[in-house]
Protein backbone atom coordinates (compact mmCIF):
# COMPACT_ATOMS: atom_id res chain seq x y z
CA MET A 1 -23.90 -13.61 9.10
CA TYR A 2 -21.06 -15.61 9.49
CA LEU A 3 -18.16 -17.12 11.80
CA ALA A 4 -14.37 -17.20 12.08
CA THR A 5 -12.68 -19.56 13.59
CA THR A 6 -12.75 -18.13 17.30
CA GLY A 7 -16.30 -17.59 17.55
CA ARG A 8 -16.27 -13.92 16.07
CA ARG A 9 -19.00 -12.92 13.19
CA ALA A 10 -17.31 -11.29 10.89
CA ALA A 11 -19.20 -9.63 7.76
CA PRO A 12 -21.13 -10.99 5.37
CA ALA A 13 -19.11 -12.52 2.44
CA PRO A 14 -19.69 -11.14 -0.83
CA PRO A 15 -21.31 -14.23 -3.34
CA PRO A 16 -19.21 -16.78 -4.90
CA THR A 17 -18.47 -16.04 -8.54
CA THR A 18 -17.33 -19.03 -10.89
CA GLY A 19 -15.68 -19.18 -14.78
CA ALA A 20 -14.42 -16.23 -16.22
CA GLY A 21 -16.53 -13.48 -14.11
CA ARG A 22 -14.08 -14.39 -11.89
CA ARG A 23 -11.38 -11.27 -12.07
CA VAL A 24 -8.73 -9.91 -9.99
CA PRO A 25 -9.58 -6.79 -7.81
CA ALA A 26 -7.74 -3.89 -9.79
CA ALA A 27 -6.75 -2.71 -6.63
CA VAL A 28 -4.85 -6.45 -6.30
CA LEU A 29 -3.11 -5.36 -9.70
CA ALA A 30 -1.92 -1.82 -9.25
CA LEU A 31 -0.92 -3.47 -6.30
CA GLY A 32 1.23 -5.89 -7.97
CA THR A 33 2.11 -3.99 -10.77
CA VAL A 34 4.07 -1.72 -8.05
CA SER A 35 5.47 -4.76 -7.04
CA LEU A 36 6.97 -5.33 -9.74
CA VAL A 37 8.64 -2.13 -10.43
CA THR A 38 10.13 -2.53 -7.13
CA ASP A 39 11.31 -5.77 -7.50
CA VAL A 40 13.83 -5.00 -10.44
CA SER A 41 15.09 -2.57 -7.90
CA SER A 42 15.52 -5.11 -5.50
CA GLU A 43 16.26 -7.95 -6.86
CA MET A 44 19.37 -5.91 -8.99
CA VAL A 45 20.83 -5.40 -5.60
CA SER A 46 20.02 -8.88 -4.20
CA ALA A 47 21.50 -10.59 -7.07
CA VAL A 48 25.16 -9.50 -7.00
CA LEU A 49 25.51 -8.15 -2.81
CA PRO A 50 26.57 -11.47 -2.56
CA LEU A 51 29.08 -11.87 -4.41
CA TYR A 52 29.93 -7.92 -3.50
CA LEU A 53 30.41 -8.26 0.28
CA VAL A 54 31.65 -12.29 0.08
CA LEU A 55 33.65 -12.09 -3.00
CA GLY A 56 34.83 -8.45 -3.60
CA LEU A 57 35.05 -6.75 0.03
CA GLY A 58 36.06 -9.87 1.37
CA LEU A 59 34.08 -10.78 4.19
CA SER A 60 34.08 -13.42 6.17
CA PRO A 61 30.27 -16.02 6.02
CA LEU A 62 30.57 -15.12 9.82
CA GLN A 63 30.54 -11.29 9.33
CA PHE A 64 27.66 -11.94 5.70
CA GLY A 65 25.37 -13.85 7.65
CA PHE A 66 25.06 -10.64 9.66
CA LEU A 67 24.90 -8.50 7.63
CA ASP A 68 22.01 -11.03 5.63
CA GLY A 69 20.16 -11.56 9.10
CA LEU A 70 20.12 -7.33 9.31
CA MET A 71 18.61 -7.70 6.27
CA SER A 72 15.77 -9.96 7.29
CA GLY A 73 15.25 -8.46 10.59
CA ALA A 74 15.46 -4.65 10.87
CA GLY A 75 12.94 -3.53 10.07
CA ALA A 76 11.16 -5.85 12.44
CA ILE A 77 9.88 -3.29 14.94
CA VAL A 78 8.86 -0.57 12.10
CA ARG A 79 7.18 -3.31 10.40
CA LEU A 80 5.04 -3.47 13.68
CA LEU A 81 4.81 0.16 14.14
CA GLY A 82 4.07 0.75 10.42
CA GLY A 83 0.63 -1.88 10.48
CA HIS A 84 -0.37 -0.36 13.70
CA LEU A 85 -1.14 3.13 11.80
CA ALA A 86 -1.99 1.85 8.75
CA ASP A 87 -5.18 0.50 10.77
CA ARG A 88 -5.54 3.55 12.95
CA GLY A 89 -6.00 5.79 10.91
CA HIS A 90 -7.08 2.80 7.40
CA ARG A 91 -4.64 5.18 5.15
CA TYR A 92 -2.86 1.60 4.06
CA LYS A 93 -1.76 3.64 0.90
CA HIS A 94 0.29 6.45 2.72
CA VAL A 95 2.05 4.46 4.84
CA ALA A 96 3.28 1.96 2.04
CA GLY A 97 4.65 4.61 0.08
CA ILE A 98 6.61 5.81 3.12
CA GLY A 99 8.52 1.97 2.97
CA TYR A 100 8.60 2.26 -0.61
CA ALA A 101 10.61 5.63 -0.20
CA VAL A 102 12.76 4.76 1.62
CA SER A 103 14.09 1.74 0.21
CA ALA A 104 13.99 3.87 -3.19
CA CYS A 105 16.90 5.82 -1.35
CA SER A 106 18.27 3.00 0.50
CA ARG A 107 20.12 2.62 -2.88
CA LEU A 108 21.98 5.84 -2.86
CA GLY A 109 23.28 4.89 0.39
CA LEU A 110 24.98 1.81 -0.79
CA LEU A 111 26.00 4.30 -3.89
CA LEU A 112 27.67 6.35 -0.88
CA ALA A 113 29.20 4.28 1.62
CA GLY A 114 31.61 2.54 -0.97
CA GLY A 115 33.81 0.12 0.40
CA ALA A 116 32.92 1.22 4.28
CA THR A 117 31.12 -2.24 6.14
CA GLY A 118 29.28 0.61 8.67
CA GLY A 119 27.85 2.00 5.44
CA ILE A 120 26.53 -0.77 3.85
CA ALA A 121 25.07 -1.84 6.35
CA ALA A 122 23.17 1.14 7.41
CA ALA A 123 22.37 1.55 3.46
CA LEU A 124 20.50 -2.44 3.76
CA ALA A 125 18.62 -1.85 7.33
CA ALA A 126 17.76 1.76 5.74
CA ASP A 127 15.71 -0.54 2.90
CA ARG A 128 14.74 -3.38 5.20
CA VAL A 129 13.05 -0.52 7.19
CA GLY A 130 11.74 0.36 3.96
CA LYS A 131 10.73 -3.35 3.22
CA GLY A 132 8.78 -3.79 7.21
CA ILE A 133 6.91 -0.60 6.53
CA ARG A 134 4.79 -1.27 3.44
CA THR A 135 4.68 -4.59 3.66
CA ALA A 136 1.96 -5.27 5.97
CA PRO A 137 -0.37 -2.42 4.94
CA ARG A 138 0.40 -3.65 1.39
CA ASP A 139 -0.71 -6.76 1.99
CA ALA A 140 -4.10 -5.65 3.95
CA LEU A 141 -5.48 -3.93 0.95
CA ILE A 142 -4.72 -7.26 -0.51
CA THR A 143 -6.58 -8.94 1.87
CA LEU A 144 -9.85 -5.92 2.21
CA ASN A 145 -10.29 -6.28 -1.70
CA SER A 146 -10.58 -9.18 -2.09
CA PRO A 147 -13.59 -12.25 -1.49
CA PRO A 148 -12.18 -14.21 1.44
CA GLY A 149 -12.95 -17.69 -0.38
CA GLU A 150 -10.29 -15.83 -3.49
CA LEU A 151 -7.54 -14.49 -0.68
CA GLY A 152 -4.68 -17.40 -2.31
CA ARG A 153 -5.76 -16.66 -5.99
CA SER A 154 -5.23 -12.46 -5.54
CA PHE A 155 -2.03 -13.49 -3.22
CA GLY A 156 -0.76 -16.05 -5.92
CA VAL A 157 -1.68 -13.39 -8.87
CA HIS A 158 0.58 -10.11 -6.57
CA ARG A 159 3.52 -12.83 -6.28
CA ALA A 160 3.61 -13.56 -9.58
CA MET A 161 3.62 -9.98 -10.44
CA ASP A 162 6.07 -9.01 -7.76
CA THR A 163 8.18 -12.32 -9.18
CA THR A 164 8.41 -11.10 -12.38
CA GLY A 165 10.46 -8.15 -11.59
CA ALA A 166 12.35 -10.41 -9.53
CA LEU A 167 13.23 -12.01 -12.92
CA LEU A 168 13.90 -9.10 -14.45
CA GLY A 169 15.90 -7.43 -11.81
CA PRO A 170 18.88 -10.13 -12.06
CA LEU A 171 19.19 -9.65 -15.87
CA ALA A 172 18.82 -6.06 -15.52
CA ALA A 173 22.06 -6.04 -12.88
CA PHE A 174 23.95 -9.12 -15.17
CA ALA A 175 23.65 -6.60 -18.34
CA LEU A 176 24.97 -3.85 -16.49
CA LEU A 177 28.52 -5.48 -14.44
CA TRP A 178 28.30 -6.60 -18.30
CA ALA A 179 28.59 -3.42 -19.95
CA THR A 180 30.35 -1.85 -17.66
CA ALA A 181 33.03 -4.20 -16.95
CA GLY A 182 31.81 -4.77 -13.42
CA ALA A 183 31.03 -1.45 -11.98
CA TYR A 184 28.45 -2.06 -8.82
CA ASP A 185 27.97 1.52 -9.14
CA ALA A 186 26.26 1.40 -12.08
CA VAL A 187 23.94 -1.57 -10.11
CA PHE A 188 22.45 0.77 -7.33
CA VAL A 189 21.90 4.10 -9.37
CA ALA A 190 19.84 1.52 -11.87
CA SER A 191 18.16 0.34 -9.16
CA PHE A 192 17.60 3.89 -7.34
CA CYS A 193 15.46 4.49 -10.21
CA PHE A 194 13.95 2.26 -10.16
CA GLY A 195 12.52 2.57 -6.89
CA LEU A 196 11.63 5.50 -7.85
CA LEU A 197 9.37 4.46 -10.44
CA GLY A 198 7.48 2.31 -8.29
CA VAL A 199 6.67 5.38 -6.03
CA LEU A 200 5.13 6.92 -8.24
CA LEU A 201 2.99 3.79 -9.77
CA LEU A 202 1.82 3.62 -6.35
CA VAL A 203 0.93 7.44 -6.19
CA LEU A 204 -1.19 7.79 -9.12
CA TYR A 205 -2.93 3.98 -9.92
CA VAL A 206 -3.30 2.67 -6.10
CA PRO A 207 -6.81 3.29 -4.37
CA GLY A 208 -6.05 6.00 -0.97
CA HIS A 209 -8.02 5.77 2.01
CA HIS A 210 -9.24 2.17 2.39
CA ARG A 211 -12.23 2.14 5.81
CA PRO A 212 -13.48 -1.29 5.83
CA PRO A 213 -16.95 -2.10 6.88
CA ALA A 214 -18.18 -1.98 10.51
CA THR A 215 -19.30 -4.95 11.48
CA PRO A 216 -23.71 -4.25 12.67
CA GLY A 217 -23.82 -4.24 16.34
CA GLN A 218 -19.60 -4.21 16.97
CA ALA A 219 -18.05 -0.85 17.64
CA PRO A 220 -15.70 -0.48 15.19
CA PRO A 221 -11.57 -1.77 15.78
CA ARG A 222 -8.68 0.67 17.58
CA GLY A 223 -6.22 -1.19 15.73
CA LYS A 224 -3.72 -2.19 18.17
CA ALA A 225 -1.43 -4.36 16.34
CA PHE A 226 -1.03 -6.76 19.48
CA GLY A 227 -4.82 -7.09 19.92
CA ALA A 228 -4.24 -9.86 17.35
CA LEU A 229 -2.06 -12.47 20.04
CA ARG A 230 -5.89 -11.84 22.18
CA ASP A 231 -6.91 -14.85 19.25
CA PRO A 232 -5.45 -17.80 19.96
CA ALA A 233 -5.72 -19.05 16.70
CA PHE A 234 -3.46 -16.48 15.29
CA ARG A 235 -1.32 -17.45 18.27
CA ARG A 236 -0.58 -21.30 16.98
CA ILE A 237 0.18 -19.38 13.07
CA LEU A 238 2.30 -16.86 14.80
CA TRP A 239 3.99 -19.50 15.90
CA ALA A 240 4.33 -22.18 13.82
CA ALA A 241 5.91 -19.00 11.06
CA ALA A 242 8.36 -18.04 13.82
CA LEU A 243 9.49 -21.94 14.20
CA LEU A 244 9.69 -22.52 10.42
CA GLY A 245 11.14 -19.67 10.06
CA GLY A 246 14.12 -19.97 12.31
CA ALA A 247 14.95 -23.06 10.27
CA THR A 248 15.79 -21.40 7.07
CA ILE A 249 18.84 -19.71 6.00
CA GLY A 250 18.60 -17.57 3.23
CA ASP A 251 18.59 -17.64 0.01
CA ALA A 252 22.20 -16.01 -0.02
CA PHE A 253 23.37 -19.01 1.77
CA VAL A 254 21.70 -21.61 -0.62
CA TYR A 255 23.54 -19.68 -3.98
CA LEU A 256 27.13 -19.28 -2.22
CA LEU A 257 27.20 -23.00 -1.38
CA LEU A 258 25.98 -23.97 -5.59
CA GLN A 259 29.16 -21.79 -6.12
CA ARG A 260 31.19 -22.97 -3.82
CA ARG A 261 30.22 -26.87 -5.02
CA LEU A 262 30.30 -26.35 -8.62
CA GLY A 263 33.47 -23.74 -8.71
CA LEU A 264 30.98 -21.16 -10.77
CA ASP A 265 32.41 -18.05 -12.48
CA PRO A 266 31.60 -15.18 -10.08
CA GLY A 267 29.65 -13.46 -13.42
CA TRP A 268 27.16 -15.89 -13.11
CA PHE A 269 26.25 -15.74 -9.70
CA PRO A 270 23.24 -12.97 -10.52
CA LEU A 271 21.80 -15.56 -12.52
CA LEU A 272 21.16 -18.02 -9.76
CA PRO A 273 18.38 -16.44 -8.54
CA LEU A 274 16.41 -16.27 -11.84
CA GLY A 275 15.93 -20.29 -11.13
CA ALA A 276 14.15 -20.37 -8.40
CA ALA A 277 12.53 -16.90 -9.08
CA ALA A 278 10.65 -18.82 -13.02
CA GLY A 279 9.39 -21.09 -10.15
CA TYR A 280 8.45 -19.08 -8.20
CA LEU A 281 6.19 -17.31 -11.04
CA LEU A 282 4.95 -20.49 -12.81
CA LEU A 283 3.77 -21.91 -9.26
CA ALA A 284 2.91 -19.15 -7.75
CA VAL A 285 -0.99 -18.27 -9.57
CA PRO A 286 -2.17 -22.15 -9.37
CA VAL A 287 -0.14 -22.87 -6.13
CA GLY A 288 -2.82 -20.05 -4.23
CA ARG A 289 -5.84 -21.33 -6.21
CA ILE A 290 -4.96 -24.38 -4.06
CA ALA A 291 -4.84 -23.08 -1.42
CA ASP A 292 -7.76 -21.99 -2.05
CA ARG A 293 -9.30 -25.59 -2.74
CA VAL A 294 -7.74 -27.68 -0.22
CA GLY A 295 -6.70 -25.35 2.49
CA ARG A 296 -3.37 -23.25 3.14
CA ARG A 297 -2.12 -25.29 5.78
CA LEU A 298 -1.06 -28.22 4.05
CA PRO A 299 0.46 -26.32 1.26
CA PHE A 300 2.09 -24.03 3.89
CA LEU A 301 3.70 -26.93 4.86
CA TYR A 302 4.74 -28.43 1.48
CA GLY A 303 6.34 -25.64 0.76
CA HIS A 304 8.70 -26.12 3.77
CA LEU A 305 9.74 -30.15 2.76
CA ALA A 306 10.28 -28.78 -0.46
CA LEU A 307 13.44 -25.84 1.18
CA LEU A 308 14.47 -29.58 3.42
CA GLY A 309 14.95 -31.53 0.14
CA ALA A 310 17.04 -28.59 -1.22
CA TYR A 311 19.04 -29.12 1.73
CA LEU A 312 19.51 -32.09 0.86
CA VAL A 313 20.33 -32.26 -2.88
CA LEU A 314 23.39 -29.75 -1.51
CA LEU A 315 24.21 -32.46 0.67
CA ALA A 316 24.12 -35.46 -1.61
CA PRO A 317 27.40 -37.11 -2.86
CA ALA A 318 29.71 -34.87 -5.89
CA GLY A 319 28.04 -36.64 -9.56
CA GLY A 320 26.37 -36.22 -12.47
CA PRO A 321 26.22 -33.36 -14.38
CA ALA A 322 26.55 -29.95 -12.47
CA SER A 323 23.45 -28.25 -14.19
CA LEU A 324 21.06 -31.31 -12.88
CA LEU A 325 21.98 -30.30 -9.37
CA VAL A 326 21.55 -26.13 -9.88
CA ALA A 327 18.20 -27.19 -11.61
CA ALA A 328 16.91 -29.31 -8.89
CA VAL A 329 18.19 -25.99 -6.36
CA LEU A 330 15.81 -23.55 -7.91
CA ALA A 331 13.60 -25.14 -8.33
CA LEU A 332 12.87 -26.48 -4.82
CA LEU A 333 13.10 -23.08 -4.04
CA GLY A 334 10.58 -21.67 -6.07
CA ILE A 335 8.26 -23.63 -5.04
CA PHE A 336 9.06 -22.99 -1.65
CA TYR A 337 8.53 -19.78 -1.71
CA ALA A 338 5.03 -20.44 -3.95
CA ALA A 339 3.56 -22.39 -1.59
CA THR A 340 4.56 -20.53 2.09
CA ASP A 341 4.53 -16.94 0.94
CA GLY A 342 1.48 -15.74 0.40
CA VAL A 343 -0.39 -18.30 1.01
CA LEU A 344 0.86 -17.96 4.76
CA MET A 345 -1.05 -14.76 4.40
CA ALA A 346 -4.42 -15.95 3.47
CA LEU A 347 -3.75 -17.85 5.92
CA ALA A 348 -3.96 -15.65 8.56
CA GLY A 349 -6.03 -13.03 7.12
CA PRO A 350 -9.84 -14.47 8.24
CA VAL A 351 -8.78 -14.90 11.35
CA LEU A 352 -8.10 -10.82 11.88
CA PRO A 353 -10.43 -8.59 11.92
CA ALA A 354 -10.83 -5.82 8.84
CA GLY A 355 -9.76 -3.22 10.84
CA GLY A 356 -7.21 -4.91 12.77
CA ARG A 357 -5.56 -6.94 9.80
CA ALA A 358 -2.24 -4.84 8.98
CA GLY A 359 -1.40 -4.48 12.39
CA GLY A 360 -2.57 -8.59 13.12
CA LEU A 361 -0.28 -9.13 9.78
CA ALA A 362 2.71 -7.26 10.67
CA VAL A 363 3.08 -9.51 13.96
CA LEU A 364 3.17 -12.20 11.63
CA GLN A 365 5.85 -10.62 9.55
CA THR A 366 7.77 -9.13 12.41
CA GLY A 367 7.73 -12.45 13.82
CA GLN A 368 8.81 -14.90 11.19
CA ALA A 369 11.61 -11.99 9.81
CA LEU A 370 12.90 -12.13 13.63
CA ALA A 371 13.65 -15.87 13.04
CA ARG A 372 14.85 -15.59 9.66
CA MET A 373 17.67 -13.03 10.63
CA LEU A 374 18.33 -15.22 13.83
CA ALA A 375 18.88 -18.86 10.98
CA ALA A 376 20.74 -16.86 8.87
CA ALA A 377 22.80 -15.39 12.11
CA GLY A 378 23.27 -18.88 13.43
CA PHE A 379 24.49 -20.58 10.04
CA GLY A 380 26.85 -17.42 9.27
CA ALA A 381 28.41 -18.53 12.67
CA ALA A 382 28.44 -22.31 12.37
CA TRP A 383 29.95 -21.89 8.65
CA THR A 384 32.56 -21.15 10.45
CA VAL A 385 33.64 -22.71 13.38
CA TRP A 386 32.29 -26.14 11.13
CA GLY A 387 32.42 -25.72 7.54
CA PRO A 388 29.38 -25.20 5.25
CA ARG A 389 28.77 -28.76 4.38
CA PRO A 390 28.42 -29.75 8.48
CA ALA A 391 26.27 -26.76 9.24
CA LEU A 392 23.86 -27.91 6.66
CA TRP A 393 23.70 -30.90 7.75
CA GLY A 394 22.53 -29.00 11.33
CA ALA A 395 19.67 -26.58 9.45
CA THR A 396 19.14 -29.51 7.71
CA ALA A 397 18.34 -31.66 11.16
CA VAL A 398 16.86 -28.47 12.81
CA LEU A 399 14.25 -27.52 9.69
CA LEU A 400 13.29 -30.97 10.00
CA ALA A 401 12.10 -31.00 13.48
CA ALA A 402 10.63 -27.39 13.11
CA LEU A 403 8.11 -29.53 10.34
CA ALA A 404 7.38 -31.55 12.84
CA GLY A 405 6.39 -28.65 15.25
CA GLY A 406 4.50 -26.55 12.77
CA TRP A 407 2.75 -29.65 11.84
CA ALA A 408 1.24 -29.95 15.59
CA LEU A 409 0.62 -25.83 16.07
CA LEU A 410 -0.54 -24.70 12.50
CA PRO A 411 -4.77 -25.37 12.94
CA ARG A 412 -6.98 -26.34 10.47
CA ASP A 413 -7.58 -22.69 8.11
CA PRO A 414 -10.89 -20.66 7.68
CA GLY A 415 -10.11 -21.73 4.56
CA ALA A 416 -10.61 -25.46 4.34
CA PRO A 417 -13.28 -27.18 2.44
CA GLY A 418 -15.95 -28.54 4.64
CA ASP A 419 -14.52 -26.17 7.44
CA PRO A 420 -17.38 -24.98 8.84
CA SER A 421 -16.34 -21.67 9.80
CA ASP A 422 -14.86 -20.36 6.28
CA PRO A 423 -15.82 -17.50 5.39
CA GLY A 424 -17.44 -18.76 1.96
CA VAL A 425 -19.79 -21.42 3.62
CA PRO A 426 -23.24 -19.71 5.57
CA CYS A 427 -23.63 -21.09 8.87
CA ASP A 428 -27.23 -20.38 10.77
CA PRO A 429 -26.99 -18.15 13.49
CA CYS A 430 -30.11 -20.22 15.14
CA ASP A 431 -28.45 -23.18 14.46
CA PRO A 432 -24.86 -23.15 16.05
CA CYS A 433 -22.15 -25.37 14.10
CA ASP A 434 -20.34 -25.23 17.17
CA PRO A 435 -21.13 -25.28 20.77
CA ALA A 436 -18.41 -23.39 22.02
CA THR A 437 -19.77 -20.79 19.91
CA SER A 438 -22.70 -21.09 20.41
CA ALA A 439 -22.11 -20.83 23.86
CA ALA A 440 -20.39 -17.23 23.41
CA LEU A 441 -22.82 -15.85 20.74
CA PRO A 442 -25.70 -13.58 22.38
CA ALA A 443 -28.83 -15.86 23.05
CA PRO A 444 -31.53 -15.19 19.83
CA ALA A 445 -34.06 -12.15 19.70
CA VAL A 446 -37.05 -13.04 19.68
CA PRO A 447 -39.85 -11.56 16.91
CA PRO A 448 -42.34 -9.93 19.00
CA ASP A 449 -46.05 -11.41 18.38
CA PRO A 450 -47.56 -8.94 15.07
CA ALA A 451 -50.79 -8.91 16.33
CA ALA A 452 -50.06 -7.82 20.21
CA ALA A 453 -48.97 -4.99 18.34
CA VAL A 454 -51.74 -3.62 16.14
CA GLY A 455 -55.07 -1.61 17.29
CA PRO A 456 -58.48 -2.35 16.90
CA GLY A 457 -59.72 -1.98 13.49
CA GLN A 458 -55.08 -2.98 12.06
CA SER A 459 -54.10 -5.33 10.02
CA PRO A 460 -50.75 -6.39 11.07
CA THR A 461 -47.82 -6.33 8.77
CA ARG A 462 -45.02 -8.25 7.71
CA GLU A 463 -41.67 -6.63 8.68
CA ARG A 464 -38.24 -7.88 5.88
CA SER A 465 -35.50 -9.73 8.07
CA THR A 466 -31.93 -7.81 7.97
CA SER A 467 -30.15 -11.01 9.24
């Protein structure tokens, strides 16, 4: 038996393997392939969108801030619904497939919207709704198909494959804009085709119905999304993620700040996300494995420290080669995502029961997305009122305060070495390590005396223990 941090009995973890015998689960590789193709589709649009909206359509930073916040937060409520439905019917693949299909169709919405701000906002909202529907079921599938002690590694592999698409997407957008003399419609059409390919791969190669094993002596959970909020450890993770998300201004603003400070030619703008994506791709798996070994709490906090470094580099006095400034900012962004994105899911996963994992992760992702939506809108307003540099100083101060709050809020995660509540560390149920936990557990049953249960002339037999 194994003990979770909150006193729940969890299902036994698979026996750990070492060395070359460890393989990434096939379901994780299949989901990574789907995410790779889908990210080519989404990043083709994301790479050109700030340029298209601000320089092409003439939106102000305030308007762009609200649209960027909409991209991050429009699917928040739908994310909760997606997680709840995935848990309730254990149809993780089906719910995720709906999300991938909605995002693919939103590319056609951008094509039909033309220059109408309302149409563009609706298409972006549809894209975020699709992402909101699919993210929690997909991440739940990763946690349910991976050993608890290797969640960081599994998420690192998935995020590395996902980021490969993030690298290829801007390159494809850059090539299309160069070949078509700046025709954004060609980018939207190609993005739609890649999105449909991702849906097809999901249908063909990702495992379908998945029912998590029930814990002996425990009724199967009903998959209520907000049930996770009853767990004190999960609540602390949620508040910390929301607090730190509220201090994240968004990549698009970072790229716009770089473009304005260095006077980059607009044609090179779609290539800026490549640097961050390359750093993420190189570091996602190593950071995930480090998080599995040393605990996932510290890498998550250090990742936000790297984001703070990116803000400070942008605020540094002018001087030195422009290439060095660009490389430093993009490298720090890559470190930030490698140490936070999948690591946060690996940190929260073991705290949640298997049957309610998609709903719990949906609550966590929703809180973070809403916080980032407010952060993007607030930074856009501050930029419009005060200018870019004072607004960035304010964002830096807010992030520094959020780091202090996150350090105090985040609990010691169950994956940390030496933590007796680690799902990968067996705990003797007859000798509970936590007095508070042992008080909440039922008293162990006393086996009857075999000699008292046999009749004359019979010999007692010993039954095999099933504990």
